[in-house]
Structure formats: structure tokens, C-alpha cells
Amino acid sequence: MINKSLKKIGLISLSTIGLLTLGYKGYKNFPSKYSTYSEGTSTNSIVQASKPIDEKEKSNTNDSYDIEKLKNDLNNKEKDGKKIAFLTFDDGPSTTVTPEILDILKEKNIKATFFLVGQNVDRDDKSKSLVKEIFESGHAIGNHTYTHDMKKLYPNNKLDINAYINEVNQCNESIRKAIGQDFRTRVLRMPGGYMSREYYKDPNLQAFDTKIAENDMWQIDWNAMNADAEGKRKNAAELLESLKESVGTKEKVVILMHDTYGKEETAKALPQIIEYLKSQGYEFKTMS
């Protein structure tokens, strides 16, 4: 569960050879429970989440946004006047919420980025078929580790690099089996977010940045959210209001949401979220 202290957070961490960190506000204390996995907890790069090794394209390239350009845009204090929203969904797939979200995205003709948890991919045949549908529909797929188990990934509140990379590889393999072809994504999102590792001054972060750079991977957090994994359970109307507050006047917004079990209200809110972002002049992209 994302702590209340993240309610007004506005931070994205991108790491490859170097690290870009945007400023944020309202970042206070993480509770002890933050280091454990709970249903609905969210979290490099942004490669088209559905890009296989053989480079076979499954989506309209106009929907994807180059990660290097995005990094530069986010680091640039000067606004360019182009408002872009990246819808991201963590912790899936789920057989209850993911299908609803995919139907809405199809109806609205919008592509999103799904950060998948490997053990949820392996849960059953329906889950595997949903991953294939995500891929074949042209959405991006990011790697959110295999277990999302923070005690395993961050023992004694320190990043275990080998365990983390092993889980990334295991998750990629689960996705590869589900879509039926060679697959590798460079896009990573850490459970709890890279920002949590920075907050705790994790001594292994620098070595981690070097390791993922060597493997041509990127880490990305978010700078906006609908707060569907934060505080008390919210209904669709409350999620929409949380998103409006979080997006504010940002030009480039990477929006954290969830499509795991128990997030039905996120699916209910999604049409209104999309329409609001459109009304504010945003176009929608995936990350590649």
C-alpha cells in the first residue's frame, strides 16, 4: 500500500548511465509496513512494453515515445507546450480488472503501459491470455519483478541486486511464455518505487544503476497518480478527483494506477480520467 505521505508526490526517477530525479513535495515518512507487499502496491525504463527482441512491431509507432527524449523533456525546466499523458497500470494482470481496462482502452483507442508481476502472469491460463491480449493490442509491457515481495527484494531495507535482477529475468520469461515468442522489455518499475530506495538512502542504488545500464534497462517511477493504492479505499469519483489534483499543470505526466485484484473502481474511473485528460489537452503515449 502506498503511504499517505505520497499523496502529493511529483517525482520520476529514470536511471540508465545516469539518474534523473525530479523534485517533489509532501514526501515525509514511510511506515514500516511499506517494506512488505500488500495487494495493490505499485512500481525502467520505458521501452515499448510490448517490444520483442526481434523488433517485430505490434503497435502504431505514433503511440510510443522515445525514452531518451522523455528523459530530456522531464529534465528540461522549459516547457515545450506539448502535453502528454502516459497511463500506467501496475501489479497485473488480474482476471477481474485487466479485461475491463483493456475494453475501455480499446473503445477510447488509447494505448497504455502495463507493469506486470510475473507470478500474476503465471497464475492461470486466463492470466496468460490477457498478457497476450495486452501485447497484441499494441500496449507497452513493463517489468514489475516476479513476486513484488519487498522483503525478498529489499532485505533489511537494502536492495539485493542479484535477487532483483533474477526476478526481472524470471518475469520476462513468464511474459515470453505467455505471448508465445521471444520477448524482452527494458522497462522496469521497482515495487514501492525507486523513490523509496532514495528516501531510505539505499547504499546499493549506485551499483544497481550501473547494473541495469549494463543490461540496457531503465527504471521509471511516476509523477502523478489516481491514489488507488493509497489510504482508504476510494470510489471512482474520488479517484478522478485525486488524479486531477495530482496532475495539476504538469506537461508530461506518468500516471500510476493499478489493474490488480480489488481495483474495480479504477476501471470505473478510467473513462472519466481519459476524458478529463483529453479536455486538458493531453495526448496519450506509451514509452519506448
C-alpha atoms as a PDB file:
ATOM      1  CA  MET A   1       0.000   0.000   0.000  1.00  0.00           C
ATOM      2  CA  ILE A   2       1.388   3.396  -0.922  1.00  0.00           C
ATOM      3  CA  ASN A   3       1.614   5.576   2.170  1.00  0.00           C
ATOM      4  CA  LYS A   4      -0.433   8.758   2.665  1.00  0.00           C
ATOM      5  CA  SER A   5       2.834  10.684   2.631  1.00  0.00           C
ATOM      6  CA  LEU A   6       2.980  10.089  -1.134  1.00  0.00           C
ATOM      7  CA  LYS A   7      -0.364  11.821  -1.746  1.00  0.00           C
ATOM      8  CA  LYS A   8       1.099  14.926  -3.317  1.00  0.00           C
ATOM      9  CA  ILE A   9       4.233  13.393  -4.663  1.00  0.00           C
ATOM     10  CA  GLY A  10       5.560  14.502  -8.010  1.00  0.00           C
ATOM     11  CA  LEU A  11       8.654  12.542  -8.794  1.00  0.00           C
ATOM     12  CA  ILE A  12      10.023  10.432 -11.580  1.00  0.00           C
ATOM     13  CA  SER A  13      13.313   8.597 -11.342  1.00  0.00           C
ATOM     14  CA  LEU A  14      14.917   7.472 -14.547  1.00  0.00           C
ATOM     15  CA  SER A  15      18.160   5.559 -14.342  1.00  0.00           C
ATOM     16  CA  THR A  16      20.482   4.321 -17.057  1.00  0.00           C
ATOM     17  CA  ILE A  17      24.077   5.533 -17.239  1.00  0.00           C
ATOM     18  CA  GLY A  18      22.950   8.394 -15.076  1.00  0.00           C
ATOM     19  CA  LEU A  19      19.919   9.207 -12.956  1.00  0.00           C
ATOM     20  CA  LEU A  20      17.306  11.897 -13.410  1.00  0.00           C
ATOM     21  CA  THR A  21      15.235  12.832 -10.412  1.00  0.00           C
ATOM     22  CA  LEU A  22      12.510  15.440 -10.458  1.00  0.00           C
ATOM     23  CA  GLY A  23      11.527  17.425  -7.403  1.00  0.00           C
ATOM     24  CA  TYR A  24       8.551  16.565  -5.310  1.00  0.00           C
ATOM     25  CA  LYS A  25       6.574  17.840  -2.334  1.00  0.00           C
ATOM     26  CA  GLY A  26       4.765  16.283   0.564  1.00  0.00           C
ATOM     27  CA  TYR A  27       7.276  13.446   0.898  1.00  0.00           C
ATOM     28  CA  LYS A  28       7.573  12.687   4.593  1.00  0.00           C
ATOM     29  CA  ASN A  29       7.838   9.336   6.336  1.00  0.00           C
ATOM     30  CA  PHE A  30       7.363   5.825   5.035  1.00  0.00           C
ATOM     31  CA  PRO A  31       5.733   3.427   7.535  1.00  0.00           C
ATOM     32  CA  SER A  32       7.300   0.114   8.468  1.00  0.00           C
ATOM     33  CA  LYS A  33       4.549  -1.704   6.546  1.00  0.00           C
ATOM     34  CA  TYR A  34       5.845  -0.038   3.374  1.00  0.00           C
ATOM     35  CA  SER A  35       8.569  -2.681   3.202  1.00  0.00           C
ATOM     36  CA  THR A  36       6.062  -5.516   2.847  1.00  0.00           C
ATOM     37  CA  TYR A  37       3.930  -6.486  -0.089  1.00  0.00           C
ATOM     38  CA  SER A  38       0.212  -5.905   0.083  1.00  0.00           C
ATOM     39  CA  GLU A  39      -2.341  -6.297  -2.688  1.00  0.00           C
ATOM     40  CA  GLY A  40      -2.487  -3.165  -4.757  1.00  0.00           C
ATOM     41  CA  THR A  41       1.013  -1.925  -4.010  1.00  0.00           C
ATOM     42  CA  SER A  42       2.552  -0.390  -7.072  1.00  0.00           C
ATOM     43  CA  THR A  43       6.120   0.082  -9.309  1.00  0.00           C
ATOM     44  CA  ASN A  44      12.844   1.428 -16.371  1.00  0.00           C
ATOM     45  CA  SER A  45      12.674   2.279 -18.466  1.00  0.00           C
ATOM     46  CA  ILE A  46      10.269   2.798 -20.868  1.00  0.00           C
ATOM     47  CA  VAL A  47      10.635   0.603 -23.747  1.00  0.00           C
ATOM     48  CA  GLN A  48       7.550  -0.195 -25.570  1.00  0.00           C
ATOM     49  CA  ALA A  49       6.345  -2.622 -23.114  1.00  0.00           C
ATOM     50  CA  SER A  50       5.447  -4.949 -25.835  1.00  0.00           C
ATOM     51  CA  LYS A  51       8.575  -4.902 -27.928  1.00  0.00           C
ATOM     52  CA  PRO A  52      10.100  -8.341 -28.556  1.00  0.00           C
ATOM     53  CA  ILE A  53      13.764  -8.936 -29.228  1.00  0.00           C
ATOM     54  CA  ASP A  54      13.181  -9.448 -32.939  1.00  0.00           C
ATOM     55  CA  GLU A  55      11.821  -5.878 -33.089  1.00  0.00           C
ATOM     56  CA  LYS A  56       8.552  -7.004 -34.621  1.00  0.00           C
ATOM     57  CA  GLU A  57       6.188  -4.098 -34.146  1.00  0.00           C
ATOM     58  CA  LYS A  58       2.816  -4.765 -32.582  1.00  0.00           C
ATOM     59  CA  SER A  59       1.608  -1.171 -32.255  1.00  0.00           C
ATOM     60  CA  ASN A  60       1.425   2.063 -34.117  1.00  0.00           C
ATOM     61  CA  THR A  61       4.789   3.753 -33.590  1.00  0.00           C
ATOM     62  CA  ASN A  62       2.934   7.056 -33.274  1.00  0.00           C
ATOM     63  CA  ASP A  63       1.727   5.808 -29.889  1.00  0.00           C
ATOM     64  CA  SER A  64       5.229   5.352 -28.459  1.00  0.00           C
ATOM     65  CA  TYR A  65       7.578   7.970 -27.052  1.00  0.00           C
ATOM     66  CA  ASP A  66      11.339   7.638 -27.064  1.00  0.00           C
ATOM     67  CA  ILE A  67      12.732   7.251 -23.554  1.00  0.00           C
ATOM     68  CA  GLU A  68      15.740   9.447 -24.222  1.00  0.00           C
ATOM     69  CA  LYS A  69      13.513  12.283 -25.391  1.00  0.00           C
ATOM     70  CA  LEU A  70      11.203  11.791 -22.423  1.00  0.00           C
ATOM     71  CA  LYS A  71      14.165  11.950 -20.055  1.00  0.00           C
ATOM     72  CA  ASN A  72      15.325  15.189 -21.627  1.00  0.00           C
ATOM     73  CA  ASP A  73      11.832  16.643 -21.559  1.00  0.00           C
ATOM     74  CA  LEU A  74      11.360  15.832 -17.891  1.00  0.00           C
ATOM     75  CA  ASN A  75      14.752  17.296 -17.022  1.00  0.00           C
ATOM     76  CA  ASN A  76      14.125  20.456 -19.015  1.00  0.00           C
ATOM     77  CA  LYS A  77      12.748  23.308 -16.916  1.00  0.00           C
ATOM     78  CA  GLU A  78      11.476  24.977 -20.055  1.00  0.00           C
ATOM     79  CA  LYS A  79       8.033  23.838 -21.142  1.00  0.00           C
ATOM     80  CA  ASP A  80       7.580  22.947 -24.802  1.00  0.00           C
ATOM     81  CA  GLY A  81       3.811  23.332 -24.863  1.00  0.00           C
ATOM     82  CA  LYS A  82       3.178  19.643 -25.644  1.00  0.00           C
ATOM     83  CA  LYS A  83       1.001  17.925 -23.051  1.00  0.00           C
ATOM     84  CA  ILE A  84       1.492  14.164 -22.971  1.00  0.00           C
ATOM     85  CA  ALA A  85      -0.009  11.595 -20.602  1.00  0.00           C
ATOM     86  CA  PHE A  86       1.387   8.113 -20.047  1.00  0.00           C
ATOM     87  CA  LEU A  87      -1.235   5.837 -18.489  1.00  0.00           C
ATOM     88  CA  THR A  88       0.499   3.094 -16.497  1.00  0.00           C
ATOM     89  CA  PHE A  89      -1.062   0.147 -14.678  1.00  0.00           C
ATOM     90  CA  ASP A  90       0.844  -1.821 -12.036  1.00  0.00           C
ATOM     91  CA  ASP A  91       0.602  -5.264 -10.448  1.00  0.00           C
ATOM     92  CA  GLY A  92      -1.430  -7.073 -13.100  1.00  0.00           C
ATOM     93  CA  PRO A  93      -2.651  -8.934 -14.833  1.00  0.00           C
ATOM     94  CA  SER A  94      -5.857  -9.754 -12.982  1.00  0.00           C
ATOM     95  CA  THR A  95      -8.747 -11.660 -14.473  1.00  0.00           C
ATOM     96  CA  THR A  96     -11.219  -9.239 -12.870  1.00  0.00           C
ATOM     97  CA  VAL A  97      -9.920  -5.734 -13.597  1.00  0.00           C
ATOM     98  CA  THR A  98      -7.483  -6.034 -16.521  1.00  0.00           C
ATOM     99  CA  PRO A  99     -10.190  -7.126 -19.024  1.00  0.00           C
ATOM    100  CA  GLU A 100     -12.320  -4.109 -18.127  1.00  0.00           C
ATOM    101  CA  ILE A 101      -9.390  -1.745 -18.574  1.00  0.00           C
ATOM    102  CA  LEU A 102      -8.453  -3.306 -21.908  1.00  0.00           C
ATOM    103  CA  ASP A 103     -12.040  -2.914 -23.153  1.00  0.00           C
ATOM    104  CA  ILE A 104     -12.084   0.765 -22.164  1.00  0.00           C
ATOM    105  CA  LEU A 105      -8.721   1.466 -23.783  1.00  0.00           C
ATOM    106  CA  LYS A 106      -9.889  -0.255 -26.961  1.00  0.00           C
ATOM    107  CA  GLU A 107     -13.112   1.753 -27.010  1.00  0.00           C
ATOM    108  CA  LYS A 108     -11.195   5.005 -26.468  1.00  0.00           C
ATOM    109  CA  ASN A 109      -8.450   3.980 -28.935  1.00  0.00           C
ATOM    110  CA  ILE A 110      -5.708   4.679 -26.397  1.00  0.00           C
ATOM    111  CA  LYS A 111      -2.531   2.743 -25.629  1.00  0.00           C
ATOM    112  CA  ALA A 112      -1.140   2.302 -22.114  1.00  0.00           C
ATOM    113  CA  THR A 113       1.833   0.723 -20.352  1.00  0.00           C
ATOM    114  CA  PHE A 114       1.269  -2.331 -18.134  1.00  0.00           C
ATOM    115  CA  PHE A 115       3.863  -3.132 -15.459  1.00  0.00           C
ATOM    116  CA  LEU A 116       3.323  -6.855 -14.943  1.00  0.00           C
ATOM    117  CA  VAL A 117       4.134  -9.061 -11.958  1.00  0.00           C
ATOM    118  CA  GLY A 118       5.431 -12.413 -13.153  1.00  0.00           C
ATOM    119  CA  GLN A 119       3.614 -14.584 -10.623  1.00  0.00           C
ATOM    120  CA  ASN A 120       0.333 -12.966 -11.660  1.00  0.00           C
ATOM    121  CA  VAL A 121       1.151 -13.785 -15.281  1.00  0.00           C
ATOM    122  CA  ASP A 122       1.692 -17.419 -14.252  1.00  0.00           C
ATOM    123  CA  ARG A 123      -1.467 -17.613 -12.119  1.00  0.00           C
ATOM    124  CA  ASP A 124      -3.623 -19.381 -14.735  1.00  0.00           C
ATOM    125  CA  ASP A 125      -4.330 -19.675 -18.457  1.00  0.00           C
ATOM    126  CA  LYS A 126      -6.704 -16.706 -18.406  1.00  0.00           C
ATOM    127  CA  SER A 127      -3.964 -14.501 -16.983  1.00  0.00           C
ATOM    128  CA  LYS A 128      -1.559 -15.621 -19.704  1.00  0.00           C
ATOM    129  CA  SER A 129      -4.159 -14.901 -22.384  1.00  0.00           C
ATOM    130  CA  LEU A 130      -4.615 -11.394 -21.002  1.00  0.00           C
ATOM    131  CA  VAL A 131      -0.880 -10.741 -21.361  1.00  0.00           C
ATOM    132  CA  LYS A 132      -1.087 -11.880 -24.964  1.00  0.00           C
ATOM    133  CA  GLU A 133      -4.054  -9.564 -25.495  1.00  0.00           C
ATOM    134  CA  ILE A 134      -2.141  -6.645 -23.984  1.00  0.00           C
ATOM    135  CA  PHE A 135       0.748  -7.343 -26.331  1.00  0.00           C
ATOM    136  CA  GLU A 136      -1.301  -7.896 -29.475  1.00  0.00           C
ATOM    137  CA  SER A 137      -3.392  -4.788 -28.789  1.00  0.00           C
ATOM    138  CA  GLY A 138      -0.248  -2.671 -29.076  1.00  0.00           C
ATOM    139  CA  HIS A 139       0.108  -1.692 -25.439  1.00  0.00           C
ATOM    140  CA  ALA A 140       3.505  -1.496 -23.785  1.00  0.00           C
ATOM    141  CA  ILE A 141       4.662  -4.023 -21.199  1.00  0.00           C
ATOM    142  CA  GLY A 142       6.984  -3.158 -18.336  1.00  0.00           C
ATOM    143  CA  ASN A 143       8.637  -5.467 -15.806  1.00  0.00           C
ATOM    144  CA  HIS A 144       7.488  -5.157 -12.172  1.00  0.00           C
ATOM    145  CA  THR A 145       9.515  -8.172 -10.889  1.00  0.00           C
ATOM    146  CA  TYR A 146       8.266 -11.712 -10.430  1.00  0.00           C
ATOM    147  CA  THR A 147       6.993 -11.673  -6.833  1.00  0.00           C
ATOM    148  CA  HIS A 148       6.733  -7.987  -5.848  1.00  0.00           C
ATOM    149  CA  ASP A 149       7.955  -9.224  -2.460  1.00  0.00           C
ATOM    150  CA  MET A 150       9.711  -6.277  -0.862  1.00  0.00           C
ATOM    151  CA  LYS A 151      11.148  -8.338   1.984  1.00  0.00           C
ATOM    152  CA  LYS A 152      12.868 -10.527  -0.581  1.00  0.00           C
ATOM    153  CA  LEU A 153      13.942  -7.701  -2.887  1.00  0.00           C
ATOM    154  CA  TYR A 154      14.969  -5.286  -0.117  1.00  0.00           C
ATOM    155  CA  PRO A 155      16.104  -7.459   2.844  1.00  0.00           C
ATOM    156  CA  ASN A 156      16.949  -5.338   5.874  1.00  0.00           C
ATOM    157  CA  ASN A 157      15.677  -2.413   3.789  1.00  0.00           C
ATOM    158  CA  LYS A 158      18.597  -2.706   1.337  1.00  0.00           C
ATOM    159  CA  LEU A 159      18.292  -3.596  -2.323  1.00  0.00           C
ATOM    160  CA  ASP A 160      19.519  -7.112  -3.117  1.00  0.00           C
ATOM    161  CA  ILE A 161      20.742  -6.503  -6.661  1.00  0.00           C
ATOM    162  CA  ASN A 162      21.188 -10.155  -7.628  1.00  0.00           C
ATOM    163  CA  ALA A 163      17.766 -11.108  -6.309  1.00  0.00           C
ATOM    164  CA  TYR A 164      16.209  -8.169  -8.103  1.00  0.00           C
ATOM    165  CA  ILE A 165      17.817  -8.923 -11.473  1.00  0.00           C
ATOM    166  CA  ASN A 166      16.904 -12.597 -11.123  1.00  0.00           C
ATOM    167  CA  GLU A 167      13.272 -11.596 -10.603  1.00  0.00           C
ATOM    168  CA  VAL A 168      13.399  -9.290 -13.613  1.00  0.00           C
ATOM    169  CA  ASN A 169      14.662 -12.186 -15.728  1.00  0.00           C
ATOM    170  CA  GLN A 170      12.063 -14.538 -14.279  1.00  0.00           C
ATOM    171  CA  CYS A 171       9.273 -12.056 -15.004  1.00  0.00           C
ATOM    172  CA  ASN A 172      10.497 -11.559 -18.573  1.00  0.00           C
ATOM    173  CA  GLU A 173      10.467 -15.326 -19.041  1.00  0.00           C
ATOM    174  CA  SER A 174       6.882 -15.572 -17.783  1.00  0.00           C
ATOM    175  CA  ILE A 175       5.805 -12.854 -20.213  1.00  0.00           C
ATOM    176  CA  ARG A 176       7.739 -14.556 -23.013  1.00  0.00           C
ATOM    177  CA  LYS A 177       5.907 -17.820 -22.434  1.00  0.00           C
ATOM    178  CA  ALA A 178       2.549 -16.043 -22.323  1.00  0.00           C
ATOM    179  CA  ILE A 179       2.911 -14.220 -25.621  1.00  0.00           C
ATOM    180  CA  GLY A 180       4.500 -17.144 -27.400  1.00  0.00           C
ATOM    181  CA  GLN A 181       7.624 -15.570 -28.826  1.00  0.00           C
ATOM    182  CA  ASP A 182      10.958 -14.007 -27.968  1.00  0.00           C
ATOM    183  CA  PHE A 183      10.358 -11.101 -25.648  1.00  0.00           C
ATOM    184  CA  ARG A 184      12.404  -8.721 -23.583  1.00  0.00           C
ATOM    185  CA  THR A 185      11.434  -5.383 -22.106  1.00  0.00           C
ATOM    186  CA  ARG A 186      13.912  -2.800 -20.898  1.00  0.00           C
ATOM    187  CA  VAL A 187      11.207  -1.019 -18.908  1.00  0.00           C
ATOM    188  CA  LEU A 188      11.380  -1.583 -15.152  1.00  0.00           C
ATOM    189  CA  ARG A 189       9.358  -0.253 -12.260  1.00  0.00           C
ATOM    190  CA  MET A 190      10.550  -1.133  -8.780  1.00  0.00           C
ATOM    191  CA  PRO A 191       7.976  -2.295  -6.239  1.00  0.00           C
ATOM    192  CA  GLY A 192       7.490   0.681  -3.969  1.00  0.00           C
ATOM    193  CA  GLY A 193       9.232   2.887  -6.494  1.00  0.00           C
ATOM    194  CA  TYR A 194      12.837   3.928  -6.958  1.00  0.00           C
ATOM    195  CA  MET A 195      11.891   6.935  -4.852  1.00  0.00           C
ATOM    196  CA  SER A 196      11.537   4.727  -1.772  1.00  0.00           C
ATOM    197  CA  ARG A 197      15.099   3.438  -2.210  1.00  0.00           C
ATOM    198  CA  GLU A 198      16.291   7.051  -2.455  1.00  0.00           C
ATOM    199  CA  TYR A 199      14.293   8.010   0.615  1.00  0.00           C
ATOM    200  CA  TYR A 200      15.907   5.251   2.646  1.00  0.00           C
ATOM    201  CA  LYS A 201      19.334   6.167   1.233  1.00  0.00           C
ATOM    202  CA  ASP A 202      19.807   2.628  -0.005  1.00  0.00           C
ATOM    203  CA  PRO A 203      23.585   2.049  -0.217  1.00  0.00           C
ATOM    204  CA  ASN A 204      23.193  -0.328  -3.178  1.00  0.00           C
ATOM    205  CA  LEU A 205      21.463   2.089  -5.526  1.00  0.00           C
ATOM    206  CA  GLN A 206      24.581   3.238  -7.356  1.00  0.00           C
ATOM    207  CA  ALA A 207      25.642  -0.331  -8.110  1.00  0.00           C
ATOM    208  CA  PHE A 208      22.068  -1.097  -9.173  1.00  0.00           C
ATOM    209  CA  ASP A 209      22.072   1.842 -11.610  1.00  0.00           C
ATOM    210  CA  THR A 210      25.308   0.558 -13.131  1.00  0.00           C
ATOM    211  CA  LYS A 211      23.959  -2.989 -13.382  1.00  0.00           C
ATOM    212  CA  ILE A 212      20.757  -2.098 -15.202  1.00  0.00           C
ATOM    213  CA  ALA A 213      22.653   0.267 -17.506  1.00  0.00           C
ATOM    214  CA  GLU A 214      24.938  -2.611 -18.452  1.00  0.00           C
ATOM    215  CA  ASN A 215      21.848  -4.620 -19.338  1.00  0.00           C
ATOM    216  CA  ASP A 216      20.234  -1.787 -21.323  1.00  0.00           C
ATOM    217  CA  MET A 217      17.386  -1.356 -18.861  1.00  0.00           C
ATOM    218  CA  TRP A 218      15.685   1.731 -17.465  1.00  0.00           C
ATOM    219  CA  GLN A 219      13.833   2.442 -14.237  1.00  0.00           C
ATOM    220  CA  ILE A 220      10.847   4.751 -14.062  1.00  0.00           C
ATOM    221  CA  ASP A 221       8.512   5.806 -11.268  1.00  0.00           C
ATOM    222  CA  TRP A 222       5.617   8.245 -11.754  1.00  0.00           C
ATOM    223  CA  ASN A 223       4.810  11.916 -11.202  1.00  0.00           C
ATOM    224  CA  ALA A 224       1.023  11.636 -10.932  1.00  0.00           C
ATOM    225  CA  MET A 225      -1.468   9.091  -9.578  1.00  0.00           C
ATOM    226  CA  ASN A 226      -5.131   8.373  -9.019  1.00  0.00           C
ATOM    227  CA  ALA A 227      -4.318   7.245  -5.447  1.00  0.00           C
ATOM    228  CA  ASP A 228      -5.992   3.848  -5.867  1.00  0.00           C
ATOM    229  CA  ALA A 229      -3.399   2.194  -3.596  1.00  0.00           C
ATOM    230  CA  GLU A 230      -3.199   4.944  -1.010  1.00  0.00           C
ATOM    231  CA  GLY A 231      -5.138   5.450   2.184  1.00  0.00           C
ATOM    232  CA  LYS A 232      -8.739   4.349   2.469  1.00  0.00           C
ATOM    233  CA  ARG A 233     -10.479   2.668  -0.433  1.00  0.00           C
ATOM    234  CA  LYS A 234     -11.823   5.281  -2.847  1.00  0.00           C
ATOM    235  CA  ASN A 235     -14.733   5.198  -5.246  1.00  0.00           C
ATOM    236  CA  ALA A 236     -14.426   6.184  -8.904  1.00  0.00           C
ATOM    237  CA  ALA A 237     -15.376   9.828  -8.283  1.00  0.00           C
ATOM    238  CA  GLU A 238     -12.742  10.157  -5.559  1.00  0.00           C
ATOM    239  CA  LEU A 239     -10.096   8.560  -7.767  1.00  0.00           C
ATOM    240  CA  LEU A 240     -10.861  11.087 -10.504  1.00  0.00           C
ATOM    241  CA  GLU A 241     -10.509  13.989  -8.076  1.00  0.00           C
ATOM    242  CA  SER A 242      -7.238  12.600  -6.745  1.00  0.00           C
ATOM    243  CA  LEU A 243      -5.922  12.370 -10.289  1.00  0.00           C
ATOM    244  CA  LYS A 244      -6.919  15.940 -11.120  1.00  0.00           C
ATOM    245  CA  GLU A 245      -5.097  17.205  -8.042  1.00  0.00           C
ATOM    246  CA  SER A 246      -2.027  15.095  -8.772  1.00  0.00           C
ATOM    247  CA  VAL A 247      -1.753  16.009 -12.461  1.00  0.00           C
ATOM    248  CA  GLY A 248      -2.129  19.720 -11.799  1.00  0.00           C
ATOM    249  CA  THR A 249      -0.493  21.743 -14.551  1.00  0.00           C
ATOM    250  CA  LYS A 250       2.274  19.307 -15.457  1.00  0.00           C
ATOM    251  CA  GLU A 251       3.051  18.971 -19.169  1.00  0.00           C
ATOM    252  CA  LYS A 252       4.378  15.408 -19.162  1.00  0.00           C
ATOM    253  CA  VAL A 253       2.561  13.114 -16.732  1.00  0.00           C
ATOM    254  CA  VAL A 254       3.373   9.484 -15.974  1.00  0.00           C
ATOM    255  CA  ILE A 255       0.267   8.343 -14.125  1.00  0.00           C
ATOM    256  CA  LEU A 256       0.308   5.491 -11.621  1.00  0.00           C
ATOM    257  CA  MET A 257      -2.797   3.282 -11.471  1.00  0.00           C
ATOM    258  CA  HIS A 258      -3.416  -0.399 -10.782  1.00  0.00           C
ATOM    259  CA  ASP A 259      -5.181  -3.238 -12.588  1.00  0.00           C
ATOM    260  CA  THR A 260      -4.725  -5.881  -9.921  1.00  0.00           C
ATOM    261  CA  TYR A 261      -7.452  -7.608  -7.931  1.00  0.00           C
ATOM    262  CA  GLY A 262      -9.691  -5.294  -5.924  1.00  0.00           C
ATOM    263  CA  LYS A 263      -9.174  -2.260  -8.180  1.00  0.00           C
ATOM    264  CA  GLU A 264     -12.583  -2.321  -9.872  1.00  0.00           C
ATOM    265  CA  GLU A 265     -13.113   1.358  -9.044  1.00  0.00           C
ATOM    266  CA  THR A 266     -10.044   2.214 -11.105  1.00  0.00           C
ATOM    267  CA  ALA A 267     -11.685   0.616 -14.122  1.00  0.00           C
ATOM    268  CA  LYS A 268     -14.896   2.515 -13.391  1.00  0.00           C
ATOM    269  CA  ALA A 269     -12.983   5.798 -13.156  1.00  0.00           C
ATOM    270  CA  LEU A 270     -10.863   5.250 -16.261  1.00  0.00           C
ATOM    271  CA  PRO A 271     -13.311   6.630 -18.878  1.00  0.00           C
ATOM    272  CA  GLN A 272     -13.695   9.846 -16.894  1.00  0.00           C
ATOM    273  CA  ILE A 273      -9.942  10.054 -16.312  1.00  0.00           C
ATOM    274  CA  ILE A 274      -9.319   9.753 -20.046  1.00  0.00           C
ATOM    275  CA  GLU A 275     -11.941  12.348 -20.900  1.00  0.00           C
ATOM    276  CA  TYR A 276     -10.571  14.750 -18.304  1.00  0.00           C
ATOM    277  CA  LEU A 277      -7.041  14.443 -19.647  1.00  0.00           C
ATOM    278  CA  LYS A 278      -8.318  14.973 -23.182  1.00  0.00           C
ATOM    279  CA  SER A 279     -10.205  18.075 -22.068  1.00  0.00           C
ATOM    280  CA  GLN A 280      -6.956  19.427 -20.641  1.00  0.00           C
ATOM    281  CA  GLY A 281      -5.211  18.988 -23.981  1.00  0.00           C
ATOM    282  CA  TYR A 282      -3.204  15.825 -23.305  1.00  0.00           C
ATOM    283  CA  GLU A 283      -2.368  13.236 -25.924  1.00  0.00           C
ATOM    284  CA  PHE A 284      -1.585   9.687 -24.881  1.00  0.00           C
ATOM    285  CA  LYS A 285       1.630   7.774 -25.420  1.00  0.00           C
ATOM    286  CA  THR A 286       3.423   4.632 -24.343  1.00  0.00           C
ATOM    287  CA  MET A 287       7.132   4.604 -23.544  1.00  0.00           C
ATOM    288  CA  SER A 288       9.715   3.036 -25.832  1.00  0.00           C
END
